[in-house]
N, C-alpha and C. Protein backbone atom coordinates (compact mmCIF):
# COMPACT_ATOMS: atom_id res chain seq x y z
N MET A 1 -141.50 2.45 -6.28
CA MET A 1 -140.88 2.18 -5.01
C MET A 1 -141.95 1.84 -3.97
N GLU A 2 -143.04 2.59 -3.99
CA GLU A 2 -144.12 2.35 -3.03
C GLU A 2 -144.66 0.94 -3.20
N ASN A 3 -144.85 0.50 -4.44
CA ASN A 3 -145.37 -0.83 -4.72
C ASN A 3 -144.41 -1.91 -4.22
N ALA A 4 -143.11 -1.74 -4.53
CA ALA A 4 -142.12 -2.73 -4.09
C ALA A 4 -142.04 -2.80 -2.58
N CYS A 5 -142.03 -1.65 -1.92
CA CYS A 5 -141.94 -1.64 -0.47
C CYS A 5 -143.18 -2.22 0.19
N SER A 6 -144.34 -2.04 -0.44
CA SER A 6 -145.55 -2.60 0.15
C SER A 6 -145.52 -4.13 0.11
N ARG A 7 -144.87 -4.70 -0.91
CA ARG A 7 -144.74 -6.15 -1.00
C ARG A 7 -143.65 -6.69 -0.10
N HIS A 8 -142.66 -5.85 0.23
CA HIS A 8 -141.52 -6.29 1.03
C HIS A 8 -141.34 -5.38 2.24
N SER A 9 -142.39 -5.22 3.02
CA SER A 9 -142.36 -4.28 4.13
C SER A 9 -141.29 -4.64 5.16
N PHE A 10 -140.88 -5.90 5.21
CA PHE A 10 -139.83 -6.30 6.14
C PHE A 10 -138.47 -5.74 5.73
N LEU A 11 -138.32 -5.31 4.48
CA LEU A 11 -137.05 -4.76 4.00
C LEU A 11 -136.93 -3.26 4.18
N CYS A 12 -138.04 -2.54 4.14
CA CYS A 12 -137.91 -1.09 4.19
C CYS A 12 -139.17 -0.43 4.70
N ASP A 13 -138.97 0.69 5.33
CA ASP A 13 -140.06 1.57 5.69
C ASP A 13 -140.09 2.61 4.59
N GLN A 14 -141.05 2.51 3.67
CA GLN A 14 -141.08 3.32 2.46
C GLN A 14 -141.03 4.81 2.76
N ARG A 15 -141.78 5.26 3.74
CA ARG A 15 -141.82 6.70 4.01
C ARG A 15 -140.46 7.20 4.48
N LYS A 16 -139.83 6.50 5.41
CA LYS A 16 -138.53 6.92 5.92
C LYS A 16 -137.46 6.80 4.84
N LEU A 17 -137.47 5.70 4.11
CA LEU A 17 -136.49 5.47 3.06
C LEU A 17 -136.54 6.58 2.02
N ALA A 18 -137.74 6.92 1.59
CA ALA A 18 -137.87 7.94 0.56
C ALA A 18 -137.34 9.28 1.03
N LYS A 19 -137.63 9.67 2.25
CA LYS A 19 -137.19 10.97 2.75
C LYS A 19 -135.67 11.04 2.88
N GLU A 20 -135.04 9.95 3.33
CA GLU A 20 -133.59 9.95 3.48
C GLU A 20 -132.88 10.01 2.14
N MET A 21 -133.54 9.59 1.09
CA MET A 21 -132.93 9.56 -0.23
C MET A 21 -133.04 10.88 -0.97
N LEU A 22 -133.77 11.83 -0.41
CA LEU A 22 -133.97 13.11 -1.07
C LEU A 22 -132.96 14.15 -0.58
N PHE A 23 -132.38 14.88 -1.52
CA PHE A 23 -131.48 15.99 -1.22
C PHE A 23 -132.09 17.24 -1.83
N VAL A 24 -132.29 18.27 -1.01
CA VAL A 24 -133.04 19.45 -1.40
C VAL A 24 -132.13 20.68 -1.43
N SER A 25 -132.19 21.42 -2.52
CA SER A 25 -131.49 22.69 -2.62
C SER A 25 -132.52 23.80 -2.75
N ASP A 26 -132.64 24.60 -1.69
CA ASP A 26 -133.55 25.74 -1.77
C ASP A 26 -132.96 26.83 -2.66
N ARG A 27 -131.66 26.91 -2.71
CA ARG A 27 -130.98 27.91 -3.53
C ARG A 27 -131.29 27.73 -5.02
N HIS A 28 -131.23 26.47 -5.48
CA HIS A 28 -131.44 26.18 -6.90
C HIS A 28 -132.82 25.56 -7.18
N LYS A 29 -133.58 25.34 -6.14
CA LYS A 29 -134.96 24.83 -6.24
C LYS A 29 -135.04 23.49 -6.97
N TYR A 30 -134.29 22.51 -6.45
CA TYR A 30 -134.39 21.15 -6.99
C TYR A 30 -134.38 20.15 -5.85
N ILE A 31 -134.86 18.97 -6.16
CA ILE A 31 -134.82 17.83 -5.24
C ILE A 31 -134.23 16.66 -6.02
N TYR A 32 -133.14 16.13 -5.49
CA TYR A 32 -132.46 14.99 -6.10
C TYR A 32 -132.78 13.76 -5.27
N CYS A 33 -133.23 12.71 -5.91
CA CYS A 33 -133.49 11.43 -5.24
C CYS A 33 -132.31 10.51 -5.51
N ASN A 34 -131.57 10.21 -4.47
CA ASN A 34 -130.37 9.39 -4.59
C ASN A 34 -130.72 7.91 -4.51
N MET A 35 -130.32 7.15 -5.52
CA MET A 35 -130.52 5.70 -5.51
C MET A 35 -129.18 5.03 -5.29
N PRO A 36 -129.11 4.04 -4.41
CA PRO A 36 -127.83 3.34 -4.18
C PRO A 36 -127.32 2.66 -5.46
N LYS A 37 -126.01 2.67 -5.62
CA LYS A 37 -125.31 2.01 -6.72
C LYS A 37 -125.65 2.61 -8.08
N VAL A 38 -125.91 3.95 -8.10
CA VAL A 38 -126.19 4.65 -9.35
C VAL A 38 -125.36 5.94 -9.37
N ALA A 39 -124.07 5.81 -9.06
CA ALA A 39 -123.12 6.94 -9.06
C ALA A 39 -123.53 8.05 -8.10
N GLY A 40 -124.14 7.68 -6.98
CA GLY A 40 -124.64 8.67 -6.01
C GLY A 40 -123.56 9.59 -5.48
N THR A 41 -122.40 9.05 -5.14
CA THR A 41 -121.33 9.89 -4.61
C THR A 41 -120.87 10.89 -5.65
N SER A 42 -120.74 10.45 -6.88
CA SER A 42 -120.33 11.37 -7.95
C SER A 42 -121.35 12.48 -8.14
N TRP A 43 -122.63 12.14 -8.08
CA TRP A 43 -123.66 13.17 -8.23
C TRP A 43 -123.67 14.12 -7.05
N LYS A 44 -123.39 13.61 -5.87
CA LYS A 44 -123.32 14.50 -4.70
C LYS A 44 -122.17 15.49 -4.83
N VAL A 45 -121.06 15.06 -5.42
CA VAL A 45 -119.94 15.98 -5.68
C VAL A 45 -120.39 17.09 -6.63
N VAL A 46 -121.13 16.72 -7.68
CA VAL A 46 -121.64 17.71 -8.63
C VAL A 46 -122.58 18.69 -7.92
N LEU A 47 -123.48 18.16 -7.10
CA LEU A 47 -124.44 19.02 -6.41
C LEU A 47 -123.74 19.95 -5.41
N LEU A 48 -122.71 19.44 -4.74
CA LEU A 48 -121.95 20.29 -3.83
C LEU A 48 -121.23 21.40 -4.60
N SER A 49 -120.76 21.09 -5.79
CA SER A 49 -120.09 22.13 -6.58
C SER A 49 -121.09 23.23 -6.97
N LEU A 50 -122.34 22.86 -7.20
CA LEU A 50 -123.37 23.87 -7.47
C LEU A 50 -123.59 24.78 -6.26
N GLU A 51 -123.33 24.23 -5.09
CA GLU A 51 -123.49 25.00 -3.86
C GLU A 51 -122.21 25.74 -3.49
N GLY A 52 -121.18 25.66 -4.35
CA GLY A 52 -119.94 26.39 -4.09
C GLY A 52 -118.87 25.60 -3.38
N ARG A 53 -119.03 24.29 -3.27
CA ARG A 53 -118.05 23.42 -2.62
C ARG A 53 -117.45 22.51 -3.67
N ASP A 54 -116.15 22.63 -3.91
CA ASP A 54 -115.51 21.87 -5.00
C ASP A 54 -114.77 20.65 -4.46
N TYR A 55 -115.29 19.47 -4.78
CA TYR A 55 -114.64 18.21 -4.43
C TYR A 55 -114.16 17.48 -5.68
N SER A 56 -114.23 18.11 -6.84
CA SER A 56 -113.96 17.43 -8.10
C SER A 56 -112.51 16.98 -8.26
N LYS A 57 -111.57 17.64 -7.63
CA LYS A 57 -110.16 17.28 -7.78
C LYS A 57 -109.70 16.24 -6.77
N SER A 58 -110.59 15.84 -5.89
CA SER A 58 -110.24 14.89 -4.84
C SER A 58 -110.54 13.46 -5.29
N LEU A 59 -109.53 12.60 -5.25
CA LEU A 59 -109.75 11.20 -5.58
C LEU A 59 -110.51 10.50 -4.47
N VAL A 60 -110.17 10.82 -3.23
CA VAL A 60 -110.90 10.31 -2.08
C VAL A 60 -111.71 11.47 -1.55
N ILE A 61 -112.97 11.26 -1.40
CA ILE A 61 -113.85 12.35 -0.99
C ILE A 61 -114.09 12.24 0.51
N PRO A 62 -113.26 12.94 1.29
CA PRO A 62 -113.37 12.80 2.74
C PRO A 62 -114.64 13.46 3.27
N GLY A 63 -115.39 12.71 4.06
CA GLY A 63 -116.54 13.27 4.73
C GLY A 63 -117.66 13.74 3.82
N ILE A 64 -117.80 13.15 2.64
CA ILE A 64 -118.86 13.59 1.72
C ILE A 64 -120.23 13.46 2.36
N TRP A 65 -120.43 12.43 3.17
CA TRP A 65 -121.76 12.19 3.74
C TRP A 65 -122.10 13.23 4.79
N THR A 66 -121.12 13.67 5.59
CA THR A 66 -121.41 14.71 6.57
C THR A 66 -121.38 16.08 5.93
N THR A 67 -120.53 16.28 4.94
CA THR A 67 -120.42 17.58 4.28
C THR A 67 -121.69 17.93 3.54
N ILE A 68 -122.25 17.00 2.82
CA ILE A 68 -123.42 17.31 2.00
C ILE A 68 -124.59 17.77 2.85
N GLY A 69 -124.70 17.24 4.05
CA GLY A 69 -125.79 17.63 4.94
C GLY A 69 -125.73 19.07 5.39
N ARG A 70 -124.56 19.68 5.33
CA ARG A 70 -124.45 21.09 5.71
C ARG A 70 -124.90 22.02 4.60
N PHE A 71 -124.90 21.56 3.36
CA PHE A 71 -125.21 22.42 2.22
C PHE A 71 -126.49 22.04 1.50
N LEU A 72 -126.89 20.79 1.63
CA LEU A 72 -128.16 20.34 1.05
C LEU A 72 -128.96 19.68 2.16
N LYS A 73 -130.23 20.00 2.24
CA LYS A 73 -131.09 19.37 3.25
C LYS A 73 -131.48 17.99 2.75
N GLN A 74 -131.60 17.07 3.68
CA GLN A 74 -132.18 15.78 3.33
C GLN A 74 -133.66 15.85 3.66
N GLY A 75 -134.44 15.09 2.92
CA GLY A 75 -135.89 15.12 3.09
C GLY A 75 -136.35 14.78 4.48
N ASP A 76 -135.59 13.95 5.22
CA ASP A 76 -136.04 13.53 6.54
C ASP A 76 -135.87 14.61 7.61
N VAL A 77 -135.17 15.72 7.31
CA VAL A 77 -135.05 16.80 8.29
C VAL A 77 -136.11 17.88 8.07
N LEU A 78 -136.84 17.80 6.98
CA LEU A 78 -137.88 18.77 6.69
C LEU A 78 -139.20 18.33 7.30
N LYS A 79 -140.00 19.29 7.71
CA LYS A 79 -141.34 18.98 8.19
C LYS A 79 -142.15 18.48 7.01
N PRO A 80 -143.08 17.55 7.25
CA PRO A 80 -143.85 16.97 6.13
C PRO A 80 -144.50 18.02 5.22
N LEU A 81 -145.06 19.06 5.80
CA LEU A 81 -145.71 20.08 4.98
C LEU A 81 -144.69 20.84 4.13
N ASP A 82 -143.52 21.15 4.72
CA ASP A 82 -142.47 21.84 3.97
C ASP A 82 -141.97 20.98 2.81
N LEU A 83 -141.79 19.69 3.07
CA LEU A 83 -141.34 18.79 2.01
C LEU A 83 -142.40 18.69 0.92
N ARG A 84 -143.67 18.56 1.31
CA ARG A 84 -144.75 18.47 0.33
C ARG A 84 -144.80 19.71 -0.56
N ASN A 85 -144.64 20.89 0.04
CA ASN A 85 -144.65 22.14 -0.75
C ASN A 85 -143.48 22.18 -1.73
N ARG A 86 -142.30 21.75 -1.29
CA ARG A 86 -141.14 21.74 -2.18
C ARG A 86 -141.33 20.73 -3.31
N LEU A 87 -141.92 19.59 -2.98
CA LEU A 87 -142.16 18.57 -4.01
C LEU A 87 -143.11 19.09 -5.09
N LYS A 88 -144.00 19.94 -4.74
CA LYS A 88 -144.93 20.52 -5.73
C LYS A 88 -144.24 21.54 -6.62
N LYS A 89 -143.30 22.31 -6.07
CA LYS A 89 -142.74 23.46 -6.77
C LYS A 89 -141.35 23.23 -7.38
N TYR A 90 -140.54 22.40 -6.77
CA TYR A 90 -139.14 22.26 -7.19
C TYR A 90 -139.00 21.26 -8.33
N TYR A 91 -137.91 21.41 -9.08
CA TYR A 91 -137.55 20.45 -10.12
C TYR A 91 -137.06 19.18 -9.43
N LYS A 92 -137.57 18.04 -9.83
CA LYS A 92 -137.22 16.77 -9.20
C LYS A 92 -136.52 15.88 -10.21
N PHE A 93 -135.46 15.18 -9.77
CA PHE A 93 -134.77 14.27 -10.68
C PHE A 93 -134.08 13.15 -9.91
N MET A 94 -133.84 12.07 -10.64
CA MET A 94 -133.10 10.92 -10.12
C MET A 94 -132.47 10.21 -11.31
N PHE A 95 -131.52 9.36 -11.02
CA PHE A 95 -130.87 8.56 -12.06
C PHE A 95 -131.11 7.10 -11.76
N VAL A 96 -131.26 6.32 -12.81
CA VAL A 96 -131.46 4.89 -12.65
C VAL A 96 -130.38 4.15 -13.43
N ARG A 97 -130.32 2.88 -13.22
CA ARG A 97 -129.31 2.06 -13.86
C ARG A 97 -129.95 0.74 -14.27
N GLU A 98 -129.43 0.13 -15.30
CA GLU A 98 -129.95 -1.16 -15.74
C GLU A 98 -129.91 -2.12 -14.54
N PRO A 99 -131.04 -2.76 -14.21
CA PRO A 99 -131.15 -3.51 -12.95
C PRO A 99 -130.11 -4.61 -12.75
N LEU A 100 -129.82 -5.41 -13.76
CA LEU A 100 -128.86 -6.50 -13.59
C LEU A 100 -127.45 -5.94 -13.33
N GLU A 101 -127.09 -4.89 -14.04
CA GLU A 101 -125.79 -4.26 -13.85
C GLU A 101 -125.69 -3.67 -12.43
N ARG A 102 -126.77 -3.09 -11.96
CA ARG A 102 -126.81 -2.52 -10.61
C ARG A 102 -126.66 -3.62 -9.56
N LEU A 103 -127.35 -4.72 -9.76
CA LEU A 103 -127.26 -5.85 -8.83
C LEU A 103 -125.84 -6.40 -8.79
N LEU A 104 -125.22 -6.56 -9.95
CA LEU A 104 -123.85 -7.05 -10.02
C LEU A 104 -122.90 -6.08 -9.31
N SER A 105 -123.10 -4.79 -9.50
CA SER A 105 -122.27 -3.79 -8.84
C SER A 105 -122.41 -3.88 -7.32
N ALA A 106 -123.63 -4.02 -6.85
CA ALA A 106 -123.86 -4.14 -5.40
C ALA A 106 -123.21 -5.42 -4.87
N TYR A 107 -123.34 -6.52 -5.60
CA TYR A 107 -122.72 -7.78 -5.18
C TYR A 107 -121.20 -7.63 -5.07
N ARG A 108 -120.59 -7.05 -6.10
CA ARG A 108 -119.14 -6.87 -6.07
C ARG A 108 -118.72 -5.98 -4.91
N ASP A 109 -119.46 -4.90 -4.70
CA ASP A 109 -119.12 -3.95 -3.65
C ASP A 109 -119.29 -4.55 -2.27
N LYS A 110 -120.39 -5.21 -2.02
CA LYS A 110 -120.71 -5.70 -0.68
C LYS A 110 -120.17 -7.09 -0.38
N CYS A 111 -120.00 -7.91 -1.40
CA CYS A 111 -119.62 -9.31 -1.15
C CYS A 111 -118.21 -9.66 -1.60
N VAL A 112 -117.69 -8.98 -2.59
CA VAL A 112 -116.37 -9.34 -3.11
C VAL A 112 -115.29 -8.42 -2.54
N ARG A 113 -115.51 -7.10 -2.62
CA ARG A 113 -114.48 -6.13 -2.22
C ARG A 113 -114.50 -5.81 -0.73
N SER A 114 -115.58 -6.04 -0.05
CA SER A 114 -115.68 -5.61 1.34
C SER A 114 -115.38 -6.75 2.30
N ASN A 115 -115.54 -6.45 3.56
CA ASN A 115 -115.30 -7.45 4.60
C ASN A 115 -116.59 -8.13 5.06
N HIS A 116 -117.61 -8.11 4.23
CA HIS A 116 -118.87 -8.76 4.57
C HIS A 116 -118.78 -10.26 4.27
N LYS A 117 -117.86 -10.93 4.93
CA LYS A 117 -117.62 -12.34 4.64
C LYS A 117 -118.83 -13.21 4.96
N GLY A 118 -119.61 -12.80 5.95
CA GLY A 118 -120.79 -13.57 6.31
C GLY A 118 -121.79 -13.65 5.17
N ILE A 119 -121.97 -12.56 4.48
CA ILE A 119 -122.88 -12.53 3.32
C ILE A 119 -122.34 -13.43 2.22
N ARG A 120 -121.05 -13.28 1.94
CA ARG A 120 -120.42 -14.07 0.89
C ARG A 120 -120.54 -15.56 1.19
N GLN A 121 -120.27 -15.96 2.43
CA GLN A 121 -120.35 -17.38 2.80
C GLN A 121 -121.78 -17.90 2.71
N GLU A 122 -122.73 -17.09 3.12
CA GLU A 122 -124.14 -17.50 3.05
C GLU A 122 -124.57 -17.71 1.60
N ILE A 123 -124.18 -16.82 0.70
CA ILE A 123 -124.51 -16.97 -0.72
C ILE A 123 -123.90 -18.25 -1.27
N ARG A 124 -122.63 -18.48 -0.97
CA ARG A 124 -121.97 -19.70 -1.46
C ARG A 124 -122.64 -20.95 -0.91
N LYS A 125 -122.98 -20.94 0.38
CA LYS A 125 -123.62 -22.10 1.01
C LYS A 125 -124.97 -22.39 0.34
N ARG A 126 -125.77 -21.36 0.12
CA ARG A 126 -127.08 -21.56 -0.50
C ARG A 126 -126.94 -22.00 -1.96
N ARG A 127 -125.95 -21.46 -2.65
CA ARG A 127 -125.75 -21.82 -4.05
C ARG A 127 -125.36 -23.28 -4.18
N LYS A 128 -124.47 -23.76 -3.30
CA LYS A 128 -124.04 -25.15 -3.34
C LYS A 128 -125.15 -26.10 -2.97
N SER A 129 -125.98 -25.71 -1.97
CA SER A 129 -127.02 -26.61 -1.50
C SER A 129 -128.27 -26.56 -2.39
N GLY A 130 -128.34 -25.57 -3.25
CA GLY A 130 -129.53 -25.42 -4.09
C GLY A 130 -130.68 -24.76 -3.35
N ASN A 131 -130.43 -24.30 -2.12
CA ASN A 131 -131.44 -23.63 -1.32
C ASN A 131 -131.63 -22.21 -1.86
N LYS A 132 -132.81 -21.90 -2.27
CA LYS A 132 -133.11 -20.59 -2.84
C LYS A 132 -133.54 -19.60 -1.77
N GLY A 133 -133.48 -19.98 -0.50
CA GLY A 133 -133.85 -19.06 0.57
C GLY A 133 -135.33 -18.98 0.82
N ASN A 134 -136.11 -19.95 0.30
CA ASN A 134 -137.58 -19.91 0.48
C ASN A 134 -137.96 -20.45 1.82
């Protein structure tokens, strides 16, 4: 991630991005790194259940993003030294997905199913004109 962000600094601030993607449980001593489009919401439901909050029977997970912050700390709310100490001691894990499948999932989610018509139109315009965005 550090290497990719260093090449594309206009897309992300690596330090901030990494901290926001971390979910910390002091109770169970783990740090989960959430990657977009890799079943993140489902994993957050599992992690909340470990903390005693059961969302497994809910088809629509209301307020999962605000709820999780009450039971799991995100890396960006921890002081750098506290985060560094936890990173040394806690079990760390993340899930990945085959890159092309992940890209297709993101495209479907953001360009086909959502109201991001501007993105969809821009992709179609560039595809028709042969403009690769260089």
